[in-house]
Structure formats: structure tokens, C-alpha cells
Amino acid sequence: MYGIANKTGKPNRAEALEILRHGFNHGIDSIDTAPGYGESENLIGEFIEEQKKKGLKLPSIITKISALKLKYGPTFEYVYDYMKESIKKSIHTMRVNHIDVCLLHSSNDMASYEGKAVSCLLKLKEQGYVKETGVSVYKPEEALKAISLDCFDAIQVPINLLDHRLINSGIINELYRNNIKVYARSVFLQGLIFLEPDNLPLYLQDAKEIFKMLKELSNYTGLNPQELAMLFVRDVAGVEKIVVGCETLDQLKDNLKIINLPELNTHTVEQIRFLFKDIPEKIINPKKWNQTEYYVL
């Protein structure tokens, strides 16, 4: 399975290309990637070249500019040149004319270097290197920061069965009102959703009772956790796209089947909203995982 529950490892080149082909042939129209995702952009470039040779439609590309770690107090020109080179490299690697959506990979860069990173990203948009701009965030306050800047077209945010922060706070509605497209990620919470209560890692034992409730809900509804997770997020008002990773073609096929299932009934949605309200951040934010030291006495 995906992420923390993965037992198959990373797909090889042939498998990855087959996943891309199957997804695009069955309704997926966008690919999310980043320079930091290993050979991802190179493989996407091969796939796009195949599509071009066949005269077929090309996918929409969402990529990112890695967290900026420049020398202290860089000039606007220095930041711009750095970001421009990152974008140009992605464009060249993926064999496209421009990037459809470019996100700041680190939410910190909304404020870094006195706002130069945001200004440079907007300049790259003006010059046609990217069509739309945005940011990837982890926390509601970061989403509010993105809204306050009043310049982004898209935002990538965590939403899943256990993480309702943007829904409960009304921020997702605020994003919609500000014409910011919402791309929901962490739908399976990096694969944690797939684990049985007794198989949780030591550093997530505090989540055991939560996962027992999820298992009971799954048994009651007749829907497995993967189905519950995907359908819950799919039907959140304001979500434009769902970002889902997979390691195998079978996983992709499963997700494609699920995305076309009927809506969850109102009672099931209410149960999810009630049972998994206000889950601690140490469980819903992967950045907080494994930060506690455990000792055997």
C-alpha cells in the first residue's frame, strides 16, 4: 500500500510509465510532481514525449519550487534567477513549454526573504513560465496566510478522514470565495489509513482507539477505509482536485473505481465528522511523527 503501509517499494521505470499511461487513459488529467521526488520529472518527461509522438492530449503539470535556502539577505535578482532556473529545469526535464501550476513547496517561503519568493513567482507567471501559482501548506494558519496575500491561484492542503481542520474552521469556504483552487492531498494520510489498529507503529500508539473506531465504521458501512477516505474528501465542497500517490497499477485501478462510486450517505458523513473531530496534530501531521523518543526499561 501507499506510504507508511507500503510493502512493494518504489515502482521501476516500466511500471511507473504504465501507471501514467493507464491513469491518463482513464480520466486523470493532471500530474503532481516536484524536483525533489526522485526521478519523477524525468519519467513524466518520457510519458509526455510519448503522448506528443502519438498526437495525444498532454496532462496538466503541477510541480513545485523546493524550499529556498539561499545566502542571507539575497537580492530580488538573485532569488528570481534561482527560481527561474528551477522552473526552466522542470520545463526542460518534462519536455513541456510551460508549467501549468507551480507551487512553493514550503509554506515558509510565503514570507521568506521579505516576500521576494512570492514576487519572483508572480514575475515568472507574468513572463509565461508558469500559468498559475500557489503554495503547499500543512496548517490552517498557513492557508490563511495564502489567502491574505491575495495573489495565488491554487493551494495544496491536507484533508482526510482524520483531518477536518480546514472544513471545521471554514477556511476551505474562504479559499473558494477567494477563487483559490483547492488541491486536497494526504487523503490516505501517507498510508496510515490502511493500517490495522494493532499494526500501528510505536510512535502512533496514541491513535489506536481512533483506528478501532475507523474499523468499526468500516464494518458498519460495508466500505473499507480506502473507500471511506477517498469518498469523504471527494465530496467536500470546494475541493477542485485530489492528489493521490500509488506504487502499483492495481492501486491506481482501485482508486479509479472508488472515485466513481456513489456519494456517502448523510449519516456516514455525520459519523465521520463526529468520530474524528479535533484529532491531535501529532497524529494528523506526518511532520510530527516519530519525534518522541521511546525507551525500553
Foldseek 3Di string as FASTA:
>chain_A
DFFPPDDPDFADLVQVLVLVVVCVVQDQQEDEEEPPPPCVLLSLLVNQVVCVVVVHDHGAYEYEDEDDDDPPQDDLVVLLVSRVVRLVVSCVSNVHPAHAEYAHADLVQCCPNNRSNVVSVVVCCVVPNYVFYYYEDEDPVSLVSRVVVLGGQEYEYEDWLQDCRCVVVVVLVVCVVSNYAYEYECLCVRVPLVDQLVPDDPQQVVCSVLNVVQVVLCVVVVHRSVLRSLLLVLPDPRHDHYDDDDRGSVVSVVSSVSSPDDHDDPVSNVCSCPSNPPDDCCNNPPVNTPPDDDDDD
